[in-house]
Each structure stands twice: as C-alpha cells, then as structure tokens.
Amino acid sequence: MIQEWIPNLLTLFVGVSIGLHMADWDHKLPLLDHRSFWTHGMILPITVWWLLVSGYSIADPYFEDAKLNAEDWSRLLRFFALGFFPGYAIHMCFDLFPKKWHGGALIKSPFGVLPMVGSFIWLLCGQIVAN
C-alpha cells in the first residue's frame, strides 16, 4: 500500500522543487537575463497547465517504452502540478518584494526592461495564475 504512494509523493516533491527554482533557471541560460520575461510571470504556469490538460497524448512519443499507461501518467502529472503551482507562486511572492525596485529586480522583456510598475504587475500576474 505504501509503495503505491511513493511515486506520487516523489512527483509532488519534484513539482514543488521545480516550481520554487524554475524561475531562476534564467541565471544558467545564456540567452536570458535574470528576471527574464519568459521565466518570471505567467508563461511557465500556463505552459504547465497546458501540459496538464493536454494529457497523455503529448507524452506518447517519449514514453512508448515506459511502463506507464495513460491513467498513471495523468495521475503523476496532477501530483506534479499540485506541487509545481504552489512552489512557483511562492517564488513569485518573494520576487514581488525585493530590497529595491531597480537593476536586477526589474523584469527583462524582449522589448527592454520593464519599469517598476510593469515588473510588479507581471510578477503579480504570474503569482495569480499559479494560484
């Protein structure tokens, strides 16, 4: 009985960990600056939500040899999302309150750096969508 819950709990903890840290992956990616428009805001939670509602069909080519059926995959995606969304929302909450709203605290978009109000609204929208 406990063995049935191990994959669910592991997936939940992986979701929380990725949710807490994924926004800061822009530190490691060469084309993105810190607090990138792509990693801090609504784009990541909407993408995870889309993967969740698209279901197993999107994963078919990647998991043909896996021992997961559609029901197992769907359950693990739900547990991942159950961890990811609160983790991401918590990260966005902390990013809403930097020491000062200048430099590294501002959102870098493809069109330039957003001003303080724009950065705050973008982060707040990401936090709201993740909730």
Protein backbone atom coordinates (compact mmCIF):
# COMPACT_ATOMS: atom_id res chain seq x y z
CA MET A 1 0.00 0.00 0.00
CA ILE A 2 2.77 2.47 0.90
CA GLN A 3 4.60 1.58 -2.30
CA GLU A 4 1.66 2.90 -4.32
CA TRP A 5 2.14 6.38 -2.80
CA ILE A 6 5.91 6.61 -3.27
CA PRO A 7 5.76 7.72 -6.95
CA ASN A 8 3.00 10.21 -6.12
CA LEU A 9 4.94 11.77 -3.24
CA LEU A 10 8.18 11.86 -5.21
CA THR A 11 6.39 13.54 -8.11
CA LEU A 12 4.80 16.05 -5.71
CA PHE A 13 8.17 16.94 -4.16
CA VAL A 14 9.78 17.21 -7.60
CA GLY A 15 6.95 19.57 -8.61
CA VAL A 16 7.49 21.76 -5.53
CA SER A 17 11.25 21.86 -6.08
CA ILE A 18 10.94 22.71 -9.76
CA GLY A 19 8.24 25.29 -9.02
CA LEU A 20 10.42 27.00 -6.43
CA HIS A 21 13.55 27.08 -8.60
CA MET A 22 12.45 27.06 -12.26
CA ALA A 23 12.04 30.83 -12.49
CA ASP A 24 15.72 31.28 -11.67
CA TRP A 25 16.89 28.96 -14.42
CA ASP A 26 17.42 32.16 -16.38
CA HIS A 27 20.70 32.52 -14.43
CA LYS A 28 22.04 29.47 -16.23
CA LEU A 29 20.63 30.03 -19.71
CA PRO A 30 22.91 32.12 -21.94
CA LEU A 31 20.18 33.97 -23.86
CA LEU A 32 18.21 35.13 -20.81
CA ASP A 33 18.96 37.74 -18.17
CA HIS A 34 17.99 37.40 -14.52
CA ARG A 35 14.27 38.03 -14.00
CA SER A 36 13.54 37.26 -17.61
CA PHE A 37 10.08 37.92 -19.02
CA TRP A 38 9.95 34.23 -20.04
CA THR A 39 10.71 32.72 -16.63
CA HIS A 40 9.14 35.22 -14.22
CA GLY A 41 5.45 35.65 -14.93
CA MET A 42 2.51 33.83 -16.49
CA ILE A 43 4.26 31.88 -19.24
CA LEU A 44 5.61 28.97 -17.16
CA PRO A 45 2.44 28.24 -15.16
CA ILE A 46 0.30 28.47 -18.30
CA THR A 47 2.67 26.05 -20.07
CA VAL A 48 2.49 23.57 -17.18
CA TRP A 49 -1.30 23.92 -17.12
CA TRP A 50 -1.43 23.27 -20.88
CA LEU A 51 0.70 20.14 -20.47
CA LEU A 52 -1.63 19.02 -17.70
CA VAL A 53 -4.84 19.43 -19.69
CA SER A 54 -3.36 18.06 -22.92
CA GLY A 55 -2.94 14.77 -21.10
CA TYR A 56 -1.07 11.69 -22.11
CA SER A 57 -1.18 12.20 -25.87
CA ILE A 58 1.64 14.76 -25.78
CA ALA A 59 3.87 12.27 -23.95
CA ASP A 60 3.15 9.25 -26.17
CA PRO A 61 6.28 9.57 -28.35
CA TYR A 62 8.55 9.97 -25.33
CA PHE A 63 7.11 7.23 -23.14
CA GLU A 64 6.36 4.44 -25.62
CA ASP A 65 8.66 2.02 -23.80
CA ALA A 66 7.71 3.17 -20.30
CA LYS A 67 5.52 1.05 -18.08
CA LEU A 68 3.08 3.95 -17.59
CA ASN A 69 -0.39 3.83 -19.03
CA ALA A 70 -2.48 6.94 -19.70
CA GLU A 71 -4.11 6.84 -16.26
CA ASP A 72 -0.75 6.59 -14.43
CA TRP A 73 0.74 9.41 -16.50
CA SER A 74 -2.29 11.61 -15.87
CA ARG A 75 -2.12 10.96 -12.11
CA LEU A 76 1.61 11.79 -11.96
CA LEU A 77 1.03 15.00 -13.94
CA ARG A 78 -1.64 16.04 -11.44
CA PHE A 79 0.70 15.40 -8.49
CA PHE A 80 3.48 17.31 -10.26
CA ALA A 81 1.14 20.27 -10.84
CA LEU A 82 -0.10 20.04 -7.25
CA GLY A 83 3.48 20.76 -6.19
CA PHE A 84 4.61 23.00 -9.04
CA PHE A 85 1.92 25.68 -8.82
CA PRO A 86 2.31 26.47 -5.09
CA GLY A 87 6.11 26.34 -5.42
CA TYR A 88 6.06 28.76 -8.35
CA ALA A 89 3.54 31.05 -6.61
CA ILE A 90 5.76 31.18 -3.51
CA HIS A 91 8.77 32.10 -5.65
CA MET A 92 6.77 34.88 -7.33
CA CYS A 93 5.62 36.16 -3.90
CA PHE A 94 9.22 36.51 -2.76
CA ASP A 95 10.18 38.22 -6.03
CA LEU A 96 7.38 40.76 -5.50
CA PHE A 97 9.26 42.22 -2.54
CA PRO A 98 12.90 42.92 -3.46
CA LYS A 99 15.07 45.23 -1.37
CA LYS A 100 14.88 47.90 -4.09
CA TRP A 101 12.99 48.07 -7.36
CA HIS A 102 15.90 48.73 -9.72
CA GLY A 103 18.52 46.82 -11.68
CA GLY A 104 18.21 43.07 -11.10
CA ALA A 105 14.74 43.37 -9.58
CA LEU A 106 13.17 44.56 -12.84
CA ILE A 107 11.76 42.21 -15.49
CA LYS A 108 13.79 41.97 -18.70
CA SER A 109 11.46 41.58 -21.69
CA PRO A 110 12.29 41.19 -25.39
CA PHE A 111 11.36 44.89 -25.73
CA GLY A 112 13.62 46.13 -22.92
CA VAL A 113 13.49 46.40 -19.16
CA LEU A 114 10.01 46.87 -17.70
CA PRO A 115 9.63 49.77 -15.26
CA MET A 116 8.89 49.08 -11.60
CA VAL A 117 5.10 49.11 -12.02
CA GLY A 118 5.25 46.87 -15.09
CA SER A 119 7.61 44.45 -13.36
CA PHE A 120 5.39 44.32 -10.27
CA ILE A 121 2.26 43.70 -12.36
CA TRP A 122 3.98 40.98 -14.44
CA LEU A 123 5.21 39.17 -11.31
CA LEU A 124 1.82 39.55 -9.63
CA CYS A 125 0.06 38.09 -12.67
CA GLY A 126 2.43 35.11 -12.60
CA GLN A 127 1.68 34.59 -8.94
CA ILE A 128 -2.09 34.84 -9.52
CA VAL A 129 -2.03 32.43 -12.48
CA ALA A 130 0.00 29.92 -10.44
CA ASN A 131 -2.65 30.02 -7.72
